[in-house]
Protein backbone atom coordinates (compact mmCIF):
# COMPACT_ATOMS: atom_id res chain seq x y z
CA MET A 1 2.96 13.06 2.72
CA GLU A 2 5.91 12.04 0.54
CA LYS A 3 7.51 10.42 3.60
CA TRP A 4 4.37 8.29 3.99
CA GLY A 5 4.73 7.15 0.37
CA ALA A 6 8.42 6.36 0.84
CA PHE A 7 7.64 4.43 4.04
CA ASN A 8 5.01 2.33 2.26
CA GLU A 9 7.32 1.74 -0.68
CA ALA A 10 9.97 0.42 1.73
CA ILE A 11 7.42 -1.85 3.45
CA PHE A 12 6.19 -3.27 0.13
CA ALA A 13 9.76 -3.89 -1.05
CA HIS A 14 10.73 -5.52 2.24
CA ALA A 15 7.72 -7.84 2.14
CA ILE A 16 8.49 -8.93 -1.43
CA GLU A 17 12.19 -9.44 -0.72
CA ARG A 18 11.51 -11.42 2.45
CA TYR A 19 8.43 -13.48 1.49
CA GLY A 20 8.48 -13.43 -2.32
CA LYS A 21 6.13 -11.79 -4.78
CA GLU A 22 3.91 -14.88 -5.09
CA GLU A 23 3.20 -14.87 -1.34
CA VAL A 24 2.74 -11.11 -1.12
CA ALA A 25 0.26 -11.25 -4.03
CA LYS A 26 -2.07 -13.21 -1.70
CA TRP A 27 -2.14 -10.46 0.92
CA LEU A 28 -4.68 -7.64 1.16
CA TRP A 29 -3.09 -4.34 2.19
CA GLU A 30 -4.84 -1.41 3.89
CA ILE A 31 -3.95 2.23 3.42
CA TRP A 32 -4.63 3.13 7.03
CA ASN A 33 -5.72 1.09 10.05
CA GLU A 34 -6.11 3.24 13.13
CA ALA A 35 -6.73 1.77 16.55
CA SER A 36 -9.61 4.19 17.18
CA GLY A 37 -11.20 3.10 13.91
CA GLU A 38 -11.20 6.54 12.33
CA PHE A 39 -8.75 8.75 10.48
CA ASP A 40 -8.82 12.11 12.27
CA GLY A 41 -7.50 14.20 9.40
CA THR A 42 -9.50 15.94 6.69
CA PRO A 43 -10.89 14.14 3.64
CA GLY A 44 -8.30 15.99 1.56
CA GLN A 45 -5.49 14.74 3.79
CA PHE A 46 -6.77 11.18 3.48
CA ALA A 47 -6.91 11.58 -0.31
CA ASP A 48 -3.28 12.79 -0.30
CA LEU A 49 -2.25 9.91 1.96
CA SER A 50 -4.05 7.42 -0.30
CA GLU A 51 -2.44 8.85 -3.43
CA GLN A 52 1.04 8.45 -1.94
CA VAL A 53 0.36 4.81 -1.08
CA TYR A 54 -1.00 4.01 -4.54
CA LEU A 55 1.97 5.71 -6.22
CA ALA A 56 4.34 3.67 -4.02
CA LYS A 57 2.36 0.53 -4.89
CA GLU A 58 2.69 1.24 -8.62
CA ARG A 59 6.45 1.87 -8.36
CA ILE A 60 7.03 -1.40 -6.48
CA GLU A 61 4.78 -3.43 -8.79
CA LYS A 62 6.75 -2.14 -11.77
CA ALA A 63 10.17 -2.60 -10.13
CA TYR A 64 9.50 -6.14 -8.88
CA GLY A 65 6.97 -7.38 -11.42
CA ALA A 66 4.71 -8.00 -8.43
CA ARG A 67 1.04 -7.63 -7.59
CA ILE A 68 -0.04 -5.76 -4.45
CA LEU A 69 -3.73 -5.88 -3.58
CA MET A 70 -5.20 -2.82 -1.88
CA GLY A 71 -8.69 -2.37 -0.47
CA LEU A 72 -11.45 -3.47 -2.82
CA GLU A 73 -8.99 -4.77 -5.41
CA ILE A 74 -9.48 -8.19 -3.81
CA ARG A 75 -12.72 -8.45 -5.75
CA ARG A 76 -10.79 -8.21 -9.02
CA ALA A 77 -8.14 -10.75 -8.06
């Protein structure tokens, strides 16, 4: 799962470096979007996957002074 977190951290950083933190702050990110519509792992695996993404999000927000919106956070924006 740590590789999933590192992958997401790299994607967040790339988006901010390419498009700027103001633009990226307008985007709504998903943790997982599977073509079949369902995650086929266990609830525990999805919780682990989600935790890695949120930890990556926090690291990038701190490093870049950016805002990354995930899931229902759009309601708080």
